[in-house]
Amino acid sequence: MNVSIIIPTYNEKENIVILTNKLTEIFKNSGHDLKIIVVDDNSPDGTSSVVKKLDLFEQTIFLITRQEKLGLGSAYQAGYDWCKNNNSECIIQMDSDLSHPPEITMNLVDSIGEGYDVAIASRYVDKGGVSSWPIHRKIISFIANMLVRVFLGSKLHDNTTGYRAFNSDTIELLIKYDVKSNGFSYLIESIYLFHKKKLKIKEIPFIFQERSIGKTKLSSFEILRFLLSIFHLLIYGIKEKPN
């Protein structure tokens, strides 16, 4: 299977080396054709330059460099476009900060191979969890997931995880629809779209690891945008992009 992994980055020069090395090792004898797409928002720490020096650059590892910090949602969209143009069959998106254990990628690939439209690495199913989170992060995550289930009708246990896999039809759907958010609230808009389209989704347990290198990108502003996105979806829904 042609597997593409989209990794948005901003100031992740240490982590991206560790992560890409782990991913290439995991897939080395898997029988899958792996492509890693790093989408970098012109990181001041030189993440793009580090990626270009990797041994497998432009063989297994590819780079999309944007000229400014455009946000998580548009980074995913840039990756989706690359995957569509390169005939990817299974598309994974994951964080670059090692909070998403790369070993889970194979479980996600297997789930897409089983016929699921979407596979989600979930912290809130049996055997899932979080490691080293302060209590306020746990409370924020609990409330966020509760709001999505109550107001948007999602049946998923974990609606806010960014560790996900899709088949090619789902990528076409994500490109087709006008998902507006650029930050973490993009994750909620896409879950809403999956729910409305009645996609076949599987949740896979994983343990979220708090990042050990660098700083978290979750801000109070992103939390506010997340809340606003829920109300926007309730009122306006989500529509196809204009031709």
C-alpha atoms as a PDB file:
ATOM      1  CA  MET A   1       0.000   0.000   0.000  1.00  0.00           C
ATOM      2  CA  ASN A   2       1.176   3.539  -0.766  1.00  0.00           C
ATOM      3  CA  VAL A   3       1.363   5.148   2.684  1.00  0.00           C
ATOM      4  CA  SER A   4       1.952   8.875   3.137  1.00  0.00           C
ATOM      5  CA  ILE A   5       2.537  10.500   6.529  1.00  0.00           C
ATOM      6  CA  ILE A   6       1.918  14.244   6.847  1.00  0.00           C
ATOM      7  CA  ILE A   7       3.912  15.973   9.592  1.00  0.00           C
ATOM      8  CA  PRO A   8       3.354  19.719  10.134  1.00  0.00           C
ATOM      9  CA  THR A   9       6.344  21.429  11.772  1.00  0.00           C
ATOM     10  CA  TYR A  10       7.210  24.708  13.411  1.00  0.00           C
ATOM     11  CA  ASN A  11      10.510  24.858  15.296  1.00  0.00           C
ATOM     12  CA  GLU A  12      10.960  21.070  15.479  1.00  0.00           C
ATOM     13  CA  LYS A  13      14.524  20.597  14.192  1.00  0.00           C
ATOM     14  CA  GLU A  14      15.474  18.099  16.931  1.00  0.00           C
ATOM     15  CA  ASN A  15      12.243  16.121  16.970  1.00  0.00           C
ATOM     16  CA  ILE A  16      11.844  15.778  13.195  1.00  0.00           C
ATOM     17  CA  VAL A  17      15.145  13.909  12.891  1.00  0.00           C
ATOM     18  CA  ILE A  18      14.182  11.448  15.629  1.00  0.00           C
ATOM     19  CA  LEU A  19      10.674  10.956  14.250  1.00  0.00           C
ATOM     20  CA  THR A  20      11.612  10.415  10.598  1.00  0.00           C
ATOM     21  CA  ASN A  21      14.329   7.938  11.615  1.00  0.00           C
ATOM     22  CA  LYS A  22      11.826   5.949  13.671  1.00  0.00           C
ATOM     23  CA  LEU A  23       9.209   5.955  10.925  1.00  0.00           C
ATOM     24  CA  THR A  24      11.579   4.788   8.201  1.00  0.00           C
ATOM     25  CA  GLU A  25      12.803   1.992  10.473  1.00  0.00           C
ATOM     26  CA  ILE A  26       9.244   0.849  11.264  1.00  0.00           C
ATOM     27  CA  PHE A  27       8.244   0.710   7.587  1.00  0.00           C
ATOM     28  CA  LYS A  28      11.530  -0.692   6.258  1.00  0.00           C
ATOM     29  CA  ASN A  29      10.364  -4.301   5.920  1.00  0.00           C
ATOM     30  CA  SER A  30       6.617  -3.705   6.063  1.00  0.00           C
ATOM     31  CA  GLY A  31       5.868  -4.181   2.371  1.00  0.00           C
ATOM     32  CA  HIS A  32       4.359  -0.695   2.220  1.00  0.00           C
ATOM     33  CA  ASP A  33       5.700   2.158   0.096  1.00  0.00           C
ATOM     34  CA  LEU A  34       6.317   4.971   2.600  1.00  0.00           C
ATOM     35  CA  LYS A  35       6.420   8.685   1.877  1.00  0.00           C
ATOM     36  CA  ILE A  36       6.887  11.271   4.646  1.00  0.00           C
ATOM     37  CA  ILE A  37       5.696  14.797   3.871  1.00  0.00           C
ATOM     38  CA  VAL A  38       7.021  17.482   6.208  1.00  0.00           C
ATOM     39  CA  VAL A  39       5.027  20.719   5.978  1.00  0.00           C
ATOM     40  CA  ASP A  40       7.101  23.472   7.558  1.00  0.00           C
ATOM     41  CA  ASP A  41       5.878  27.005   8.250  1.00  0.00           C
ATOM     42  CA  ASN A  42       9.245  28.705   7.733  1.00  0.00           C
ATOM     43  CA  SER A  43      10.521  27.687  11.181  1.00  0.00           C
ATOM     44  CA  PRO A  44      13.020  30.190  12.616  1.00  0.00           C
ATOM     45  CA  ASP A  45      15.055  27.307  14.082  1.00  0.00           C
ATOM     46  CA  GLY A  46      15.899  25.994  10.597  1.00  0.00           C
ATOM     47  CA  THR A  47      13.707  22.891  10.574  1.00  0.00           C
ATOM     48  CA  SER A  48      13.519  22.984   6.753  1.00  0.00           C
ATOM     49  CA  SER A  49      17.310  23.031   6.437  1.00  0.00           C
ATOM     50  CA  VAL A  50      17.584  20.044   8.768  1.00  0.00           C
ATOM     51  CA  VAL A  51      15.024  18.083   6.716  1.00  0.00           C
ATOM     52  CA  LYS A  52      16.936  18.780   3.499  1.00  0.00           C
ATOM     53  CA  LYS A  53      20.047  17.187   5.025  1.00  0.00           C
ATOM     54  CA  LEU A  54      18.329  13.908   5.923  1.00  0.00           C
ATOM     55  CA  ASP A  55      19.688  10.852   4.102  1.00  0.00           C
ATOM     56  CA  LEU A  56      16.348   9.961   2.495  1.00  0.00           C
ATOM     57  CA  PHE A  57      15.381  13.499   1.468  1.00  0.00           C
ATOM     58  CA  GLU A  58      13.494  13.477  -1.857  1.00  0.00           C
ATOM     59  CA  GLN A  59      13.442   9.664  -1.793  1.00  0.00           C
ATOM     60  CA  THR A  60      11.207   8.834   1.153  1.00  0.00           C
ATOM     61  CA  ILE A  61      11.096  12.245   2.856  1.00  0.00           C
ATOM     62  CA  PHE A  62       9.623  15.273   1.084  1.00  0.00           C
ATOM     63  CA  LEU A  63       9.336  18.895   2.165  1.00  0.00           C
ATOM     64  CA  ILE A  64       6.688  21.547   1.646  1.00  0.00           C
ATOM     65  CA  THR A  65       7.971  24.923   2.851  1.00  0.00           C
ATOM     66  CA  ARG A  66       5.557  27.802   3.380  1.00  0.00           C
ATOM     67  CA  GLN A  67       6.708  31.402   3.683  1.00  0.00           C
ATOM     68  CA  GLU A  68       5.004  32.144   6.998  1.00  0.00           C
ATOM     69  CA  LYS A  69       3.207  30.535   9.913  1.00  0.00           C
ATOM     70  CA  LEU A  70      -0.138  29.645   8.344  1.00  0.00           C
ATOM     71  CA  GLY A  71      -1.435  27.182  10.917  1.00  0.00           C
ATOM     72  CA  LEU A  72      -2.183  23.520  11.433  1.00  0.00           C
ATOM     73  CA  GLY A  73      -5.299  23.256   9.288  1.00  0.00           C
ATOM     74  CA  SER A  74      -3.741  24.707   6.157  1.00  0.00           C
ATOM     75  CA  ALA A  75      -0.639  22.564   6.734  1.00  0.00           C
ATOM     76  CA  TYR A  76      -2.823  19.463   6.626  1.00  0.00           C
ATOM     77  CA  GLN A  77      -4.528  20.757   3.478  1.00  0.00           C
ATOM     78  CA  ALA A  78      -1.163  21.257   1.784  1.00  0.00           C
ATOM     79  CA  GLY A  79      -0.283  17.692   2.706  1.00  0.00           C
ATOM     80  CA  TYR A  80      -3.622  16.357   1.438  1.00  0.00           C
ATOM     81  CA  ASP A  81      -3.058  18.028  -1.925  1.00  0.00           C
ATOM     82  CA  TRP A  82       0.398  16.421  -2.165  1.00  0.00           C
ATOM     83  CA  CYS A  83      -1.064  13.011  -1.320  1.00  0.00           C
ATOM     84  CA  LYS A  84      -3.844  13.330  -3.889  1.00  0.00           C
ATOM     85  CA  ASN A  85      -1.353  14.272  -6.593  1.00  0.00           C
ATOM     86  CA  ASN A  86       0.897  11.334  -5.684  1.00  0.00           C
ATOM     87  CA  ASN A  87      -1.797   8.619  -5.530  1.00  0.00           C
ATOM     88  CA  SER A  88      -1.526   7.903  -1.814  1.00  0.00           C
ATOM     89  CA  GLU A  89      -3.788   5.087  -0.624  1.00  0.00           C
ATOM     90  CA  CYS A  90      -3.400   5.526   3.130  1.00  0.00           C
ATOM     91  CA  ILE A  91      -2.712   8.979   4.543  1.00  0.00           C
ATOM     92  CA  ILE A  92      -1.632   9.509   8.151  1.00  0.00           C
ATOM     93  CA  GLN A  93      -1.336  12.821   9.939  1.00  0.00           C
ATOM     94  CA  MET A  94       0.633  13.095  13.163  1.00  0.00           C
ATOM     95  CA  ASP A  95       2.405  15.600  15.388  1.00  0.00           C
ATOM     96  CA  SER A  96       6.117  16.201  15.023  1.00  0.00           C
ATOM     97  CA  ASP A  97       6.886  16.517  18.733  1.00  0.00           C
ATOM     98  CA  LEU A  98       6.979  12.742  19.504  1.00  0.00           C
ATOM     99  CA  SER A  99       3.739  12.912  21.507  1.00  0.00           C
ATOM    100  CA  HIS A 100       2.274  10.488  18.951  1.00  0.00           C
ATOM    101  CA  PRO A 101       4.230   7.206  19.233  1.00  0.00           C
ATOM    102  CA  PRO A 102       5.260   6.209  15.689  1.00  0.00           C
ATOM    103  CA  GLU A 103       4.711   2.508  16.431  1.00  0.00           C
ATOM    104  CA  ILE A 104       0.954   3.120  16.211  1.00  0.00           C
ATOM    105  CA  THR A 105       1.210   4.052  12.519  1.00  0.00           C
ATOM    106  CA  MET A 106       1.147   0.397  11.513  1.00  0.00           C
ATOM    107  CA  ASN A 107      -2.113  -0.150  13.425  1.00  0.00           C
ATOM    108  CA  LEU A 108      -3.604   2.810  11.586  1.00  0.00           C
ATOM    109  CA  VAL A 109      -2.461   1.455   8.217  1.00  0.00           C
ATOM    110  CA  ASP A 110      -3.936  -1.963   9.031  1.00  0.00           C
ATOM    111  CA  SER A 111      -7.288  -0.363   9.886  1.00  0.00           C
ATOM    112  CA  ILE A 112      -7.454   1.452   6.547  1.00  0.00           C
ATOM    113  CA  GLY A 113      -6.516  -1.838   4.888  1.00  0.00           C
ATOM    114  CA  GLU A 114      -9.476  -3.463   6.667  1.00  0.00           C
ATOM    115  CA  GLY A 115     -11.838  -1.065   4.898  1.00  0.00           C
ATOM    116  CA  TYR A 116     -12.290   1.776   7.364  1.00  0.00           C
ATOM    117  CA  ASP A 117     -12.550   5.289   5.939  1.00  0.00           C
ATOM    118  CA  VAL A 118     -10.870   6.828   8.972  1.00  0.00           C
ATOM    119  CA  ALA A 119      -8.727   5.409  11.769  1.00  0.00           C
ATOM    120  CA  ILE A 120      -8.196   7.520  14.877  1.00  0.00           C
ATOM    121  CA  ALA A 121      -5.529   6.994  17.513  1.00  0.00           C
ATOM    122  CA  SER A 122      -7.557   7.498  20.671  1.00  0.00           C
ATOM    123  CA  ARG A 123      -6.518   8.407  24.200  1.00  0.00           C
ATOM    124  CA  TYR A 124      -9.953   7.664  25.615  1.00  0.00           C
ATOM    125  CA  VAL A 125     -10.726   4.078  24.669  1.00  0.00           C
ATOM    126  CA  ASP A 126      -9.674   1.014  26.662  1.00  0.00           C
ATOM    127  CA  LYS A 127      -5.842   0.804  26.938  1.00  0.00           C
ATOM    128  CA  GLY A 128      -5.460   4.409  25.772  1.00  0.00           C
ATOM    129  CA  GLY A 129      -4.357   7.304  27.960  1.00  0.00           C
ATOM    130  CA  VAL A 130      -2.094  10.273  28.517  1.00  0.00           C
ATOM    131  CA  SER A 131       1.308  10.457  30.169  1.00  0.00           C
ATOM    132  CA  SER A 132       2.558  13.340  32.346  1.00  0.00           C
ATOM    133  CA  TRP A 133      -0.316  15.730  31.683  1.00  0.00           C
ATOM    134  CA  PRO A 134      -1.037  18.374  34.340  1.00  0.00           C
ATOM    135  CA  ILE A 135      -4.567  18.341  35.699  1.00  0.00           C
ATOM    136  CA  HIS A 136      -5.644  21.472  33.780  1.00  0.00           C
ATOM    137  CA  ARG A 137      -4.756  19.807  30.433  1.00  0.00           C
ATOM    138  CA  LYS A 138      -6.853  16.776  31.370  1.00  0.00           C
ATOM    139  CA  ILE A 139      -9.804  18.984  32.306  1.00  0.00           C
ATOM    140  CA  ILE A 140      -9.577  21.001  29.063  1.00  0.00           C
ATOM    141  CA  SER A 141      -9.423  17.822  26.972  1.00  0.00           C
ATOM    142  CA  PHE A 142     -12.360  16.234  28.830  1.00  0.00           C
ATOM    143  CA  ILE A 143     -14.550  19.314  28.395  1.00  0.00           C
ATOM    144  CA  ALA A 144     -13.602  19.718  24.725  1.00  0.00           C
ATOM    145  CA  ASN A 145     -14.560  16.140  23.899  1.00  0.00           C
ATOM    146  CA  MET A 146     -17.783  16.403  25.878  1.00  0.00           C
ATOM    147  CA  LEU A 147     -18.780  19.548  23.963  1.00  0.00           C
ATOM    148  CA  VAL A 148     -18.168  17.886  20.604  1.00  0.00           C
ATOM    149  CA  ARG A 149     -20.226  14.841  21.567  1.00  0.00           C
ATOM    150  CA  VAL A 150     -23.108  16.852  23.034  1.00  0.00           C
ATOM    151  CA  PHE A 151     -23.365  19.665  20.474  1.00  0.00           C
ATOM    152  CA  LEU A 152     -22.054  18.087  17.259  1.00  0.00           C
ATOM    153  CA  GLY A 153     -23.366  14.558  17.744  1.00  0.00           C
ATOM    154  CA  SER A 154     -20.069  12.694  17.493  1.00  0.00           C
ATOM    155  CA  LYS A 155     -20.028   9.166  18.914  1.00  0.00           C
ATOM    156  CA  LEU A 156     -16.233   9.040  19.134  1.00  0.00           C
ATOM    157  CA  HIS A 157     -14.375   8.866  22.427  1.00  0.00           C
ATOM    158  CA  ASP A 158     -11.526  11.118  21.254  1.00  0.00           C
ATOM    159  CA  ASN A 159     -12.519  13.967  18.946  1.00  0.00           C
ATOM    160  CA  THR A 160      -9.509  16.211  19.543  1.00  0.00           C
ATOM    161  CA  THR A 161      -6.623  13.904  18.714  1.00  0.00           C
ATOM    162  CA  GLY A 162      -4.640  14.879  15.633  1.00  0.00           C
ATOM    163  CA  TYR A 163      -3.260  11.368  15.153  1.00  0.00           C
ATOM    164  CA  ARG A 164      -5.411  10.011  12.330  1.00  0.00           C
ATOM    165  CA  ALA A 165      -5.368   7.992   9.124  1.00  0.00           C
ATOM    166  CA  PHE A 166      -7.603   8.229   6.060  1.00  0.00           C
ATOM    167  CA  ASN A 167      -8.224   6.408   2.821  1.00  0.00           C
ATOM    168  CA  SER A 168      -7.960   8.285  -0.469  1.00  0.00           C
ATOM    169  CA  ASP A 169     -11.727   8.883  -0.696  1.00  0.00           C
ATOM    170  CA  THR A 170     -11.694  10.654   2.665  1.00  0.00           C
ATOM    171  CA  ILE A 171      -8.836  12.865   1.508  1.00  0.00           C
ATOM    172  CA  GLU A 172     -10.922  13.817  -1.545  1.00  0.00           C
ATOM    173  CA  LEU A 173     -13.719  14.755   0.868  1.00  0.00           C
ATOM    174  CA  LEU A 174     -11.424  16.882   3.044  1.00  0.00           C
ATOM    175  CA  ILE A 175     -10.147  18.715  -0.025  1.00  0.00           C
ATOM    176  CA  LYS A 176     -13.647  19.185  -1.453  1.00  0.00           C
ATOM    177  CA  TYR A 177     -15.238  20.756   1.620  1.00  0.00           C
ATOM    178  CA  ASP A 178     -14.559  24.239   2.932  1.00  0.00           C
ATOM    179  CA  VAL A 179     -12.972  23.424   6.273  1.00  0.00           C
ATOM    180  CA  LYS A 180     -12.149  26.929   7.455  1.00  0.00           C
ATOM    181  CA  SER A 181     -10.127  26.619  10.655  1.00  0.00           C
ATOM    182  CA  ASN A 182      -6.350  26.857  10.526  1.00  0.00           C
ATOM    183  CA  GLY A 183      -5.579  25.935  14.129  1.00  0.00           C
ATOM    184  CA  PHE A 184      -6.391  22.972  16.331  1.00  0.00           C
ATOM    185  CA  SER A 185     -10.117  23.580  15.815  1.00  0.00           C
ATOM    186  CA  TYR A 186      -9.577  22.180  12.303  1.00  0.00           C
ATOM    187  CA  LEU A 187      -9.634  18.770  13.981  1.00  0.00           C
ATOM    188  CA  ILE A 188     -13.191  19.395  15.173  1.00  0.00           C
ATOM    189  CA  GLU A 189     -14.420  20.570  11.782  1.00  0.00           C
ATOM    190  CA  SER A 190     -13.116  17.413  10.138  1.00  0.00           C
ATOM    191  CA  ILE A 191     -14.756  15.195  12.791  1.00  0.00           C
ATOM    192  CA  TYR A 192     -18.031  17.022  12.139  1.00  0.00           C
ATOM    193  CA  LEU A 193     -17.648  16.337   8.411  1.00  0.00           C
ATOM    194  CA  PHE A 194     -16.963  12.634   9.039  1.00  0.00           C
ATOM    195  CA  HIS A 195     -20.050  12.416  11.255  1.00  0.00           C
ATOM    196  CA  LYS A 196     -22.309  14.107   8.695  1.00  0.00           C
ATOM    197  CA  LYS A 197     -21.040  11.865   5.895  1.00  0.00           C
ATOM    198  CA  LYS A 198     -21.451   8.746   8.068  1.00  0.00           C
ATOM    199  CA  LEU A 199     -17.927   7.521   7.434  1.00  0.00           C
ATOM    200  CA  LYS A 200     -16.738   4.210   8.818  1.00  0.00           C
ATOM    201  CA  ILE A 201     -14.366   5.066  11.677  1.00  0.00           C
ATOM    202  CA  LYS A 202     -12.229   2.931  13.967  1.00  0.00           C
ATOM    203  CA  GLU A 203     -10.599   4.117  17.200  1.00  0.00           C
ATOM    204  CA  ILE A 204      -7.254   2.598  18.178  1.00  0.00           C
ATOM    205  CA  PRO A 205      -5.822   3.032  21.690  1.00  0.00           C
ATOM    206  CA  PHE A 206      -2.566   4.873  22.245  1.00  0.00           C
ATOM    207  CA  ILE A 207      -0.742   6.585  25.093  1.00  0.00           C
ATOM    208  CA  PHE A 208      -0.159  10.273  24.436  1.00  0.00           C
ATOM    209  CA  GLN A 209       3.347  11.280  25.503  1.00  0.00           C
ATOM    210  CA  GLU A 210       3.919  14.863  26.644  1.00  0.00           C
ATOM    211  CA  ARG A 211       6.658  16.430  24.517  1.00  0.00           C
ATOM    212  CA  SER A 212      10.164  16.373  25.998  1.00  0.00           C
ATOM    213  CA  ILE A 213      11.801  18.802  23.523  1.00  0.00           C
ATOM    214  CA  GLY A 214      10.403  22.250  22.692  1.00  0.00           C
ATOM    215  CA  LYS A 215       7.236  24.024  23.796  1.00  0.00           C
ATOM    216  CA  THR A 216       3.576  23.111  23.356  1.00  0.00           C
ATOM    217  CA  LYS A 217       1.728  25.052  20.638  1.00  0.00           C
ATOM    218  CA  LEU A 218      -1.669  24.950  22.419  1.00  0.00           C
ATOM    219  CA  SER A 219      -2.545  28.482  23.553  1.00  0.00           C
ATOM    220  CA  SER A 220      -5.516  30.164  25.228  1.00  0.00           C
ATOM    221  CA  PHE A 221      -6.313  31.733  21.848  1.00  0.00           C
ATOM    222  CA  GLU A 222      -6.524  28.283  20.237  1.00  0.00           C
ATOM    223  CA  ILE A 223      -8.920  27.144  22.972  1.00  0.00           C
ATOM    224  CA  LEU A 224     -11.154  30.149  22.259  1.00  0.00           C
ATOM    225  CA  ARG A 225     -11.071  29.436  18.523  1.00  0.00           C
ATOM    226  CA  PHE A 226     -12.050  25.848  19.271  1.00  0.00           C
ATOM    227  CA  LEU A 227     -15.140  26.982  21.203  1.00  0.00           C
ATOM    228  CA  LEU A 228     -16.113  29.420  18.463  1.00  0.00           C
ATOM    229  CA  SER A 229     -15.767  26.714  15.814  1.00  0.00           C
ATOM    230  CA  ILE A 230     -18.324  24.536  17.621  1.00  0.00           C
ATOM    231  CA  PHE A 231     -20.899  27.333  17.568  1.00  0.00           C
ATOM    232  CA  HIS A 232     -20.081  28.141  13.935  1.00  0.00           C
ATOM    233  CA  LEU A 233     -20.674  24.522  12.925  1.00  0.00           C
ATOM    234  CA  LEU A 234     -23.947  24.442  14.867  1.00  0.00           C
ATOM    235  CA  ILE A 235     -25.238  27.527  13.057  1.00  0.00           C
ATOM    236  CA  TYR A 236     -23.752  27.219   9.568  1.00  0.00           C
ATOM    237  CA  GLY A 237     -22.614  23.615   9.191  1.00  0.00           C
ATOM    238  CA  ILE A 238     -19.959  22.916   6.581  1.00  0.00           C
ATOM    239  CA  LYS A 239     -20.259  23.393   2.833  1.00  0.00           C
ATOM    240  CA  GLU A 240     -18.456  22.437  -0.339  1.00  0.00           C
ATOM    241  CA  LYS A 241     -15.860  24.861  -1.636  1.00  0.00           C
ATOM    242  CA  PRO A 242     -17.159  27.083  -4.445  1.00  0.00           C
ATOM    243  CA  ASN A 243     -16.011  26.075  -7.917  1.00  0.00           C
END
